[in-house]
PDB file of all heavy atoms in Angstrom:
ATOM      1  N   THR A   1     -11.247   8.399  -2.973  1.00  0.00           N
ATOM      2  CA  THR A   1     -11.239   9.784  -3.450  1.00  0.00           C
ATOM      3  C   THR A   1     -12.493  10.150  -4.244  1.00  0.00           C
ATOM      4  O   THR A   1     -12.590  11.274  -4.747  1.00  0.00           O
ATOM      5  CB  THR A   1      -9.996  10.030  -4.323  1.00  0.00           C
ATOM      6  OG1 THR A   1      -9.938   9.048  -5.369  1.00  0.00           O
ATOM      7  CG2 THR A   1      -8.735   9.929  -3.488  1.00  0.00           C
ATOM      8  N   ASN A   2     -13.429   9.212  -4.344  1.00  0.00           N
ATOM      9  CA  ASN A   2     -14.677   9.487  -5.084  1.00  0.00           C
ATOM     10  C   ASN A   2     -15.926   9.147  -4.287  1.00  0.00           C
ATOM     11  O   ASN A   2     -17.030   9.157  -4.840  1.00  0.00           O
ATOM     12  CB  ASN A   2     -14.700   8.689  -6.392  1.00  0.00           C
ATOM     13  CG  ASN A   2     -13.772   9.268  -7.445  1.00  0.00           C
ATOM     14  OD1 ASN A   2     -14.142  10.161  -8.208  1.00  0.00           O
ATOM     15  ND2 ASN A   2     -12.549   8.771  -7.486  1.00  0.00           N
ATOM     16  N   LEU A   3     -15.782   8.843  -2.993  1.00  0.00           N
ATOM     17  CA  LEU A   3     -16.923   8.425  -2.188  1.00  0.00           C
ATOM     18  C   LEU A   3     -17.979   9.517  -2.075  1.00  0.00           C
ATOM     19  O   LEU A   3     -17.662  10.665  -1.752  1.00  0.00           O
ATOM     20  CB  LEU A   3     -16.464   8.042  -0.780  1.00  0.00           C
ATOM     21  CG  LEU A   3     -16.012   6.599  -0.523  1.00  0.00           C
ATOM     22  CD1 LEU A   3     -15.502   6.470   0.904  1.00  0.00           C
ATOM     23  CD2 LEU A   3     -17.147   5.624  -0.772  1.00  0.00           C
ATOM     24  N   PRO A   4     -19.250   9.178  -2.309  1.00  0.00           N
ATOM     25  CA  PRO A   4     -20.342  10.095  -1.979  1.00  0.00           C
ATOM     26  C   PRO A   4     -20.732   9.895  -0.514  1.00  0.00           C
ATOM     27  O   PRO A   4     -20.004   9.236   0.242  1.00  0.00           O
ATOM     28  CB  PRO A   4     -21.449   9.635  -2.917  1.00  0.00           C
ATOM     29  CG  PRO A   4     -21.208   8.151  -3.038  1.00  0.00           C
ATOM     30  CD  PRO A   4     -19.711   7.958  -2.967  1.00  0.00           C
ATOM     31  N   VAL A   5     -21.858  10.428  -0.090  1.00  0.00           N
ATOM     32  CA  VAL A   5     -22.356  10.157   1.262  1.00  0.00           C
ATOM     33  C   VAL A   5     -22.591   8.648   1.390  1.00  0.00           C
ATOM     34  O   VAL A   5     -23.323   8.057   0.602  1.00  0.00           O
ATOM     35  CB  VAL A   5     -23.653  10.932   1.535  1.00  0.00           C
ATOM     36  CG1 VAL A   5     -24.217  10.560   2.905  1.00  0.00           C
ATOM     37  CG2 VAL A   5     -23.392  12.435   1.456  1.00  0.00           C
ATOM     38  N   THR A   6     -21.937   8.024   2.370  1.00  0.00           N
ATOM     39  CA  THR A   6     -21.870   6.563   2.444  1.00  0.00           C
ATOM     40  C   THR A   6     -22.005   6.112   3.899  1.00  0.00           C
ATOM     41  O   THR A   6     -21.478   6.767   4.802  1.00  0.00           O
ATOM     42  CB  THR A   6     -20.519   6.068   1.879  1.00  0.00           C
ATOM     43  OG1 THR A   6     -20.339   6.597   0.562  1.00  0.00           O
ATOM     44  CG2 THR A   6     -20.464   4.554   1.826  1.00  0.00           C
ATOM     45  N   PRO A   7     -22.680   4.986   4.138  1.00  0.00           N
ATOM     46  CA  PRO A   7     -22.759   4.453   5.506  1.00  0.00           C
ATOM     47  C   PRO A   7     -21.378   4.118   6.061  1.00  0.00           C
ATOM     48  O   PRO A   7     -20.454   3.770   5.316  1.00  0.00           O
ATOM     49  CB  PRO A   7     -23.605   3.178   5.338  1.00  0.00           C
ATOM     50  CG  PRO A   7     -24.377   3.395   4.083  1.00  0.00           C
ATOM     51  CD  PRO A   7     -23.487   4.208   3.188  1.00  0.00           C
ATOM     52  N   LEU A   8     -21.255   4.191   7.375  1.00  0.00           N
ATOM     53  CA  LEU A   8     -19.976   3.984   8.037  1.00  0.00           C
ATOM     54  C   LEU A   8     -19.395   2.605   7.748  1.00  0.00           C
ATOM     55  O   LEU A   8     -18.180   2.475   7.537  1.00  0.00           O
ATOM     56  CB  LEU A   8     -20.136   4.178   9.554  1.00  0.00           C
ATOM     57  CG  LEU A   8     -18.881   3.918  10.402  1.00  0.00           C
ATOM     58  CD1 LEU A   8     -17.766   4.888  10.045  1.00  0.00           C
ATOM     59  CD2 LEU A   8     -19.214   4.011  11.888  1.00  0.00           C
ATOM     60  N   TRP A   9     -20.230   1.558   7.705  1.00  0.00           N
ATOM     61  CA  TRP A   9     -19.684   0.210   7.535  1.00  0.00           C
ATOM     62  C   TRP A   9     -19.024   0.027   6.177  1.00  0.00           C
ATOM     63  O   TRP A   9     -18.027  -0.683   6.059  1.00  0.00           O
ATOM     64  CB  TRP A   9     -20.776  -0.847   7.762  1.00  0.00           C
ATOM     65  CG  TRP A   9     -21.885  -0.877   6.738  1.00  0.00           C
ATOM     66  CD1 TRP A   9     -23.023  -0.154   6.750  1.00  0.00           C
ATOM     67  CD2 TRP A   9     -21.930  -1.697   5.563  1.00  0.00           C
ATOM     68  NE1 TRP A   9     -23.816  -0.445   5.660  1.00  0.00           N
ATOM     69  CE2 TRP A   9     -23.157  -1.401   4.914  1.00  0.00           C
ATOM     70  CE3 TRP A   9     -21.074  -2.631   4.996  1.00  0.00           C
ATOM     71  CZ2 TRP A   9     -23.536  -2.019   3.721  1.00  0.00           C
ATOM     72  CZ3 TRP A   9     -21.451  -3.242   3.803  1.00  0.00           C
ATOM     73  CH2 TRP A   9     -22.667  -2.938   3.185  1.00  0.00           C
ATOM     74  N   ILE A  10     -19.556   0.690   5.165  1.00  0.00           N
ATOM     75  CA  ILE A  10     -18.927   0.619   3.842  1.00  0.00           C
ATOM     76  C   ILE A  10     -17.599   1.384   3.846  1.00  0.00           C
ATOM     77  O   ILE A  10     -16.595   0.935   3.274  1.00  0.00           O
ATOM     78  CB  ILE A  10     -19.870   1.177   2.759  1.00  0.00           C
ATOM     79  CG1 ILE A  10     -21.129   0.308   2.646  1.00  0.00           C
ATOM     80  CG2 ILE A  10     -19.158   1.268   1.407  1.00  0.00           C
ATOM     81  CD1 ILE A  10     -22.134   0.815   1.642  1.00  0.00           C
ATOM     82  N   VAL A  11     -17.589   2.540   4.498  1.00  0.00           N
ATOM     83  CA  VAL A  11     -16.361   3.321   4.606  1.00  0.00           C
ATOM     84  C   VAL A  11     -15.284   2.519   5.326  1.00  0.00           C
ATOM     85  O   VAL A  11     -14.110   2.518   4.914  1.00  0.00           O
ATOM     86  CB  VAL A  11     -16.630   4.647   5.349  1.00  0.00           C
ATOM     87  CG1 VAL A  11     -15.320   5.373   5.646  1.00  0.00           C
ATOM     88  CG2 VAL A  11     -17.554   5.540   4.536  1.00  0.00           C
ATOM     89  N   LEU A  12     -15.660   1.822   6.387  1.00  0.00           N
ATOM     90  CA  LEU A  12     -14.703   1.017   7.146  1.00  0.00           C
ATOM     91  C   LEU A  12     -14.102  -0.094   6.298  1.00  0.00           C
ATOM     92  O   LEU A  12     -12.894  -0.348   6.352  1.00  0.00           O
ATOM     93  CB  LEU A  12     -15.372   0.422   8.385  1.00  0.00           C
ATOM     94  CG  LEU A  12     -15.555   1.359   9.579  1.00  0.00           C
ATOM     95  CD1 LEU A  12     -16.380   0.690  10.662  1.00  0.00           C
ATOM     96  CD2 LEU A  12     -14.198   1.780  10.144  1.00  0.00           C
ATOM     97  N   ILE A  13     -14.932  -0.773   5.508  1.00  0.00           N
ATOM     98  CA  ILE A  13     -14.432  -1.847   4.642  1.00  0.00           C
ATOM     99  C   ILE A  13     -13.422  -1.290   3.635  1.00  0.00           C
ATOM    100  O   ILE A  13     -12.328  -1.828   3.439  1.00  0.00           O
ATOM    101  CB  ILE A  13     -15.590  -2.555   3.916  1.00  0.00           C
ATOM    102  CG1 ILE A  13     -16.448  -3.336   4.925  1.00  0.00           C
ATOM    103  CG2 ILE A  13     -15.055  -3.495   2.830  1.00  0.00           C
ATOM    104  CD1 ILE A  13     -17.704  -3.925   4.314  1.00  0.00           C
ATOM    105  N   ASN A  14     -13.785  -0.176   3.008  1.00  0.00           N
ATOM    106  CA  ASN A  14     -12.914   0.399   1.988  1.00  0.00           C
ATOM    107  C   ASN A  14     -11.633   0.968   2.594  1.00  0.00           C
ATOM    108  O   ASN A  14     -10.529   0.732   2.069  1.00  0.00           O
ATOM    109  CB  ASN A  14     -13.658   1.509   1.240  1.00  0.00           C
ATOM    110  CG  ASN A  14     -12.799   2.156   0.168  1.00  0.00           C
ATOM    111  OD1 ASN A  14     -12.530   1.577  -0.871  1.00  0.00           O
ATOM    112  ND2 ASN A  14     -12.350   3.376   0.433  1.00  0.00           N
ATOM    113  N   SER A  15     -11.750   1.697   3.702  1.00  0.00           N
ATOM    114  CA  SER A  15     -10.562   2.310   4.298  1.00  0.00           C
ATOM    115  C   SER A  15      -9.606   1.249   4.839  1.00  0.00           C
ATOM    116  O   SER A  15      -8.377   1.396   4.748  1.00  0.00           O
ATOM    117  CB  SER A  15     -10.958   3.278   5.417  1.00  0.00           C
ATOM    118  OG  SER A  15     -11.649   2.605   6.450  1.00  0.00           O
ATOM    119  N   THR A  16     -10.149   0.170   5.389  1.00  0.00           N
ATOM    120  CA  THR A  16      -9.299  -0.908   5.893  1.00  0.00           C
ATOM    121  C   THR A  16      -8.543  -1.574   4.750  1.00  0.00           C
ATOM    122  O   THR A  16      -7.341  -1.848   4.852  1.00  0.00           O
ATOM    123  CB  THR A  16     -10.144  -1.951   6.652  1.00  0.00           C
ATOM    124  OG1 THR A  16     -10.802  -1.315   7.747  1.00  0.00           O
ATOM    125  CG2 THR A  16      -9.270  -3.078   7.176  1.00  0.00           C
ATOM    126  N   ALA A  17      -9.237  -1.827   3.641  1.00  0.00           N
ATOM    127  CA  ALA A  17      -8.571  -2.388   2.462  1.00  0.00           C
ATOM    128  C   ALA A  17      -7.502  -1.429   1.944  1.00  0.00           C
ATOM    129  O   ALA A  17      -6.404  -1.854   1.540  1.00  0.00           O
ATOM    130  CB  ALA A  17      -9.600  -2.673   1.369  1.00  0.00           C
ATOM    131  N   PHE A  18      -7.799  -0.141   1.988  1.00  0.00           N
ATOM    132  CA  PHE A  18      -6.829   0.872   1.541  1.00  0.00           C
ATOM    133  C   PHE A  18      -5.555   0.789   2.368  1.00  0.00           C
ATOM    134  O   PHE A  18      -4.438   0.741   1.821  1.00  0.00           O
ATOM    135  CB  PHE A  18      -7.460   2.267   1.658  1.00  0.00           C
ATOM    136  CG  PHE A  18      -6.531   3.399   1.304  1.00  0.00           C
ATOM    137  CD1 PHE A  18      -6.449   3.857  -0.005  1.00  0.00           C
ATOM    138  CD2 PHE A  18      -5.744   4.007   2.265  1.00  0.00           C
ATOM    139  CE1 PHE A  18      -5.592   4.901  -0.337  1.00  0.00           C
ATOM    140  CE2 PHE A  18      -4.888   5.045   1.947  1.00  0.00           C
ATOM    141  CZ  PHE A  18      -4.812   5.499   0.644  1.00  0.00           C
ATOM    142  N   PHE A  19      -5.692   0.765   3.693  1.00  0.00           N
ATOM    143  CA  PHE A  19      -4.513   0.722   4.566  1.00  0.00           C
ATOM    144  C   PHE A  19      -3.717  -0.560   4.363  1.00  0.00           C
ATOM    145  O   PHE A  19      -2.484  -0.534   4.314  1.00  0.00           O
ATOM    146  CB  PHE A  19      -4.935   0.863   6.028  1.00  0.00           C
ATOM    147  CG  PHE A  19      -5.236   2.270   6.445  1.00  0.00           C
ATOM    148  CD1 PHE A  19      -6.514   2.633   6.853  1.00  0.00           C
ATOM    149  CD2 PHE A  19      -4.255   3.243   6.423  1.00  0.00           C
ATOM    150  CE1 PHE A  19      -6.792   3.932   7.239  1.00  0.00           C
ATOM    151  CE2 PHE A  19      -4.522   4.546   6.806  1.00  0.00           C
ATOM    152  CZ  PHE A  19      -5.796   4.895   7.211  1.00  0.00           C
ATOM    153  N   ILE A  20      -4.395  -1.698   4.260  1.00  0.00           N
ATOM    154  CA  ILE A  20      -3.701  -2.979   4.091  1.00  0.00           C
ATOM    155  C   ILE A  20      -2.886  -2.988   2.812  1.00  0.00           C
ATOM    156  O   ILE A  20      -1.700  -3.350   2.796  1.00  0.00           O
ATOM    157  CB  ILE A  20      -4.708  -4.145   4.077  1.00  0.00           C
ATOM    158  CG1 ILE A  20      -5.314  -4.343   5.466  1.00  0.00           C
ATOM    159  CG2 ILE A  20      -4.025  -5.442   3.621  1.00  0.00           C
ATOM    160  CD1 ILE A  20      -6.433  -5.378   5.489  1.00  0.00           C
ATOM    161  N   LEU A  21      -3.507  -2.591   1.704  1.00  0.00           N
ATOM    162  CA  LEU A  21      -2.883  -2.729   0.393  1.00  0.00           C
ATOM    163  C   LEU A  21      -1.839  -1.649   0.117  1.00  0.00           C
ATOM    164  O   LEU A  21      -0.755  -1.945  -0.405  1.00  0.00           O
ATOM    165  CB  LEU A  21      -3.961  -2.713  -0.689  1.00  0.00           C
ATOM    166  CG  LEU A  21      -4.958  -3.880  -0.630  1.00  0.00           C
ATOM    167  CD1 LEU A  21      -6.149  -3.627  -1.552  1.00  0.00           C
ATOM    168  CD2 LEU A  21      -4.268  -5.183  -1.003  1.00  0.00           C
ATOM    169  N   VAL A  22      -2.147  -0.398   0.469  1.00  0.00           N
ATOM    170  CA  VAL A  22      -1.216   0.693   0.190  1.00  0.00           C
ATOM    171  C   VAL A  22       0.044   0.553   1.032  1.00  0.00           C
ATOM    172  O   VAL A  22       1.163   0.728   0.539  1.00  0.00           O
ATOM    173  CB  VAL A  22      -1.899   2.059   0.410  1.00  0.00           C
ATOM    174  CG1 VAL A  22      -0.874   3.189   0.354  1.00  0.00           C
ATOM    175  CG2 VAL A  22      -2.980   2.284  -0.644  1.00  0.00           C
ATOM    176  N   SER A  23      -0.120   0.226   2.318  1.00  0.00           N
ATOM    177  CA  SER A  23       1.070   0.018   3.148  1.00  0.00           C
ATOM    178  C   SER A  23       1.733  -1.322   2.853  1.00  0.00           C
ATOM    179  O   SER A  23       2.957  -1.456   2.960  1.00  0.00           O
ATOM    180  CB  SER A  23       0.703   0.097   4.632  1.00  0.00           C
ATOM    181  OG  SER A  23      -0.202  -0.920   4.988  1.00  0.00           O
ATOM    182  N   GLY A  24       0.944  -2.333   2.464  1.00  0.00           N
ATOM    183  CA  GLY A  24       1.492  -3.650   2.162  1.00  0.00           C
ATOM    184  C   GLY A  24       2.456  -3.654   0.994  1.00  0.00           C
ATOM    185  O   GLY A  24       3.393  -4.471   0.956  1.00  0.00           O
ATOM    186  N   ARG A  25       2.272  -2.733   0.039  1.00  0.00           N
ATOM    187  CA  ARG A  25       3.195  -2.648  -1.101  1.00  0.00           C
ATOM    188  C   ARG A  25       4.626  -2.393  -0.653  1.00  0.00           C
ATOM    189  O   ARG A  25       5.588  -2.795  -1.305  1.00  0.00           O
ATOM    190  CB  ARG A  25       2.802  -1.494  -2.035  1.00  0.00           C
ATOM    191  CG  ARG A  25       1.435  -1.534  -2.627  1.00  0.00           C
ATOM    192  CD  ARG A  25       1.138  -0.202  -3.300  1.00  0.00           C
ATOM    193  NE  ARG A  25       1.399   0.900  -2.381  1.00  0.00           N
ATOM    194  CZ  ARG A  25       1.757   2.125  -2.752  1.00  0.00           C
ATOM    195  NH1 ARG A  25       1.906   2.422  -4.019  1.00  0.00           N
ATOM    196  NH2 ARG A  25       1.973   3.072  -1.851  1.00  0.00           N
ATOM    197  N   MET A  26       4.755  -1.674   0.481  1.00  0.00           N
ATOM    198  CA  MET A  26       6.087  -1.270   0.917  1.00  0.00           C
ATOM    199  C   MET A  26       6.948  -2.454   1.343  1.00  0.00           C
ATOM    200  O   MET A  26       8.180  -2.370   1.282  1.00  0.00           O
ATOM    201  CB  MET A  26       5.962  -0.279   2.081  1.00  0.00           C
ATOM    202  CG  MET A  26       5.418   1.076   1.690  1.00  0.00           C
ATOM    203  SD  MET A  26       6.526   1.939   0.541  1.00  0.00           S
ATOM    204  CE  MET A  26       7.959   2.182   1.589  1.00  0.00           C
ATOM    205  N   ILE A  27       6.336  -3.549   1.781  1.00  0.00           N
ATOM    206  CA  ILE A  27       7.110  -4.690   2.275  1.00  0.00           C
ATOM    207  C   ILE A  27       7.923  -5.335   1.159  1.00  0.00           C
ATOM    208  O   ILE A  27       9.155  -5.412   1.256  1.00  0.00           O
ATOM    209  CB  ILE A  27       6.191  -5.695   2.983  1.00  0.00           C
ATOM    210  CG1 ILE A  27       5.566  -5.041   4.217  1.00  0.00           C
ATOM    211  CG2 ILE A  27       6.952  -6.972   3.359  1.00  0.00           C
ATOM    212  CD1 ILE A  27       4.463  -5.851   4.861  1.00  0.00           C
ATOM    213  N   PRO A  28       7.301  -5.806   0.058  1.00  0.00           N
ATOM    214  CA  PRO A  28       8.131  -6.337  -1.032  1.00  0.00           C
ATOM    215  C   PRO A  28       8.970  -5.261  -1.705  1.00  0.00           C
ATOM    216  O   PRO A  28      10.082  -5.531  -2.169  1.00  0.00           O
ATOM    217  CB  PRO A  28       7.104  -6.945  -1.994  1.00  0.00           C
ATOM    218  CG  PRO A  28       5.816  -6.252  -1.699  1.00  0.00           C
ATOM    219  CD  PRO A  28       5.856  -5.957  -0.229  1.00  0.00           C
ATOM    220  N   ALA A  29       8.457  -4.019  -1.738  1.00  0.00           N
ATOM    221  CA  ALA A  29       9.216  -2.946  -2.388  1.00  0.00           C
ATOM    222  C   ALA A  29      10.539  -2.693  -1.678  1.00  0.00           C
ATOM    223  O   ALA A  29      11.592  -2.578  -2.323  1.00  0.00           O
ATOM    224  CB  ALA A  29       8.389  -1.658  -2.433  1.00  0.00           C
ATOM    225  N   MET A  30      10.511  -2.614  -0.350  1.00  0.00           N
ATOM    226  CA  MET A  30      11.752  -2.371   0.396  1.00  0.00           C
ATOM    227  C   MET A  30      12.691  -3.564   0.309  1.00  0.00           C
ATOM    228  O   MET A  30      13.918  -3.395   0.275  1.00  0.00           O
ATOM    229  CB  MET A  30      11.431  -2.040   1.851  1.00  0.00           C
ATOM    230  CG  MET A  30      10.780  -0.687   2.061  1.00  0.00           C
ATOM    231  SD  MET A  30      11.660   0.700   1.285  1.00  0.00           S
ATOM    232  CE  MET A  30      13.282   0.554   2.029  1.00  0.00           C
ATOM    233  N   ALA A  31      12.141  -4.780   0.279  1.00  0.00           N
ATOM    234  CA  ALA A  31      12.991  -5.957   0.123  1.00  0.00           C
ATOM    235  C   ALA A  31      13.708  -5.923  -1.225  1.00  0.00           C
ATOM    236  O   ALA A  31      14.893  -6.264  -1.327  1.00  0.00           O
ATOM    237  CB  ALA A  31      12.156  -7.230   0.253  1.00  0.00           C
ATOM    238  N   ILE A  32      13.008  -5.513  -2.270  1.00  0.00           N
ATOM    239  CA  ILE A  32      13.598  -5.429  -3.606  1.00  0.00           C
ATOM    240  C   ILE A  32      14.676  -4.351  -3.656  1.00  0.00           C
ATOM    241  O   ILE A  32      15.795  -4.572  -4.125  1.00  0.00           O
ATOM    242  CB  ILE A  32      12.498  -5.141  -4.653  1.00  0.00           C
ATOM    243  CG1 ILE A  32      11.554  -6.331  -4.785  1.00  0.00           C
ATOM    244  CG2 ILE A  32      13.119  -4.802  -6.008  1.00  0.00           C
ATOM    245  CD1 ILE A  32      10.270  -6.015  -5.531  1.00  0.00           C
ATOM    246  N   VAL A  33      14.345  -3.158  -3.143  1.00  0.00           N
ATOM    247  CA  VAL A  33      15.275  -2.030  -3.206  1.00  0.00           C
ATOM    248  C   VAL A  33      16.520  -2.286  -2.357  1.00  0.00           C
ATOM    249  O   VAL A  33      17.641  -1.914  -2.736  1.00  0.00           O
ATOM    250  CB  VAL A  33      14.567  -0.727  -2.766  1.00  0.00           C
ATOM    251  CG1 VAL A  33      15.564   0.394  -2.555  1.00  0.00           C
ATOM    252  CG2 VAL A  33      13.530  -0.315  -3.812  1.00  0.00           C
ATOM    253  N   SER A  34      16.340  -2.956  -1.211  1.00  0.00           N
ATOM    254  CA  SER A  34      17.462  -3.154  -0.291  1.00  0.00           C
ATOM    255  C   SER A  34      18.573  -4.013  -0.877  1.00  0.00           C
ATOM    256  O   SER A  34      19.721  -3.946  -0.417  1.00  0.00           O
ATOM    257  CB  SER A  34      16.965  -3.780   1.018  1.00  0.00           C
ATOM    258  OG  SER A  34      16.565  -5.126   0.822  1.00  0.00           O
ATOM    259  N   GLN A  35      18.254  -4.842  -1.881  1.00  0.00           N
ATOM    260  CA  GLN A  35      19.289  -5.715  -2.424  1.00  0.00           C
ATOM    261  C   GLN A  35      19.839  -5.231  -3.770  1.00  0.00           C
ATOM    262  O   GLN A  35      20.527  -5.966  -4.458  1.00  0.00           O
ATOM    263  CB  GLN A  35      18.758  -7.153  -2.530  1.00  0.00           C
ATOM    264  CG  GLN A  35      17.422  -7.326  -3.214  1.00  0.00           C
ATOM    265  CD  GLN A  35      17.509  -7.255  -4.714  1.00  0.00           C
ATOM    266  OE1 GLN A  35      18.320  -7.923  -5.326  1.00  0.00           O
ATOM    267  NE2 GLN A  35      16.658  -6.438  -5.316  1.00  0.00           N
ATOM    268  N   VAL A  36      19.556  -3.963  -4.092  1.00  0.00           N
ATOM    269  CA  VAL A  36      20.137  -3.388  -5.307  1.00  0.00           C
ATOM    270  C   VAL A  36      21.645  -3.208  -5.146  1.00  0.00           C
ATOM    271  O   VAL A  36      22.390  -3.275  -6.111  1.00  0.00           O
ATOM    272  CB  VAL A  36      19.445  -2.043  -5.635  1.00  0.00           C
ATOM    273  CG1 VAL A  36      20.215  -1.268  -6.699  1.00  0.00           C
ATOM    274  CG2 VAL A  36      18.009  -2.281  -6.098  1.00  0.00           C
ATOM    275  N   VAL A  37      22.102  -2.985  -3.896  1.00  0.00           N
ATOM    276  CA  VAL A  37      23.522  -2.726  -3.644  1.00  0.00           C
ATOM    277  C   VAL A  37      24.096  -3.745  -2.673  1.00  0.00           C
ATOM    278  O   VAL A  37      23.363  -4.422  -1.954  1.00  0.00           O
ATOM    279  CB  VAL A  37      23.734  -1.311  -3.065  1.00  0.00           C
ATOM    280  CG1 VAL A  37      23.298  -0.256  -4.050  1.00  0.00           C
ATOM    281  CG2 VAL A  37      22.991  -1.154  -1.741  1.00  0.00           C
ATOM    282  N   ASP A  38      25.416  -3.818  -2.654  1.00  0.00           N
ATOM    283  CA  ASP A  38      26.114  -4.668  -1.698  1.00  0.00           C
ATOM    284  C   ASP A  38      26.086  -4.000  -0.331  1.00  0.00           C
ATOM    285  O   ASP A  38      25.934  -2.780  -0.219  1.00  0.00           O
ATOM    286  CB  ASP A  38      27.551  -4.881  -2.178  1.00  0.00           C
ATOM    287  CG  ASP A  38      28.276  -5.939  -1.366  1.00  0.00           C
ATOM    288  OD1 ASP A  38      27.638  -6.944  -1.018  1.00  0.00           O
ATOM    289  OD2 ASP A  38      29.460  -5.735  -1.085  1.00  0.00           O
ATOM    290  N   ASN A  39      26.268  -4.783   0.737  1.00  0.00           N
ATOM    291  CA  ASN A  39      26.100  -4.250   2.088  1.00  0.00           C
ATOM    292  C   ASN A  39      27.118  -3.177   2.456  1.00  0.00           C
ATOM    293  O   ASN A  39      26.874  -2.367   3.336  1.00  0.00           O
ATOM    294  CB  ASN A  39      26.120  -5.379   3.125  1.00  0.00           C
ATOM    295  CG  ASN A  39      27.477  -6.049   3.239  1.00  0.00           C
ATOM    296  OD1 ASN A  39      28.270  -6.014   2.301  1.00  0.00           O
ATOM    297  ND2 ASN A  39      27.733  -6.666   4.377  1.00  0.00           N
ATOM    298  N   LYS A  40      28.264  -3.118   1.785  1.00  0.00           N
ATOM    299  CA  LYS A  40      29.285  -2.146   2.168  1.00  0.00           C
ATOM    300  C   LYS A  40      28.898  -0.709   1.825  1.00  0.00           C
ATOM    301  O   LYS A  40      29.454   0.227   2.402  1.00  0.00           O
ATOM    302  CB  LYS A  40      30.626  -2.498   1.516  1.00  0.00           C
ATOM    303  CG  LYS A  40      30.602  -2.653   0.013  1.00  0.00           C
ATOM    304  CD  LYS A  40      31.826  -3.435  -0.443  1.00  0.00           C
ATOM    305  CE  LYS A  40      31.717  -3.842  -1.907  1.00  0.00           C
ATOM    306  NZ  LYS A  40      32.672  -4.906  -2.231  1.00  0.00           N
TER     307      LYS A  40
END
């Protein structure tokens, strides 16, 4: 959200890390939330 004019290869490195980490949070988060209640 603060990138100035930047070469494509730097943008690719940052955007790829963004997708991995931001979406990756959801995996442990959903596992944690799913066991708050009993299956019934």
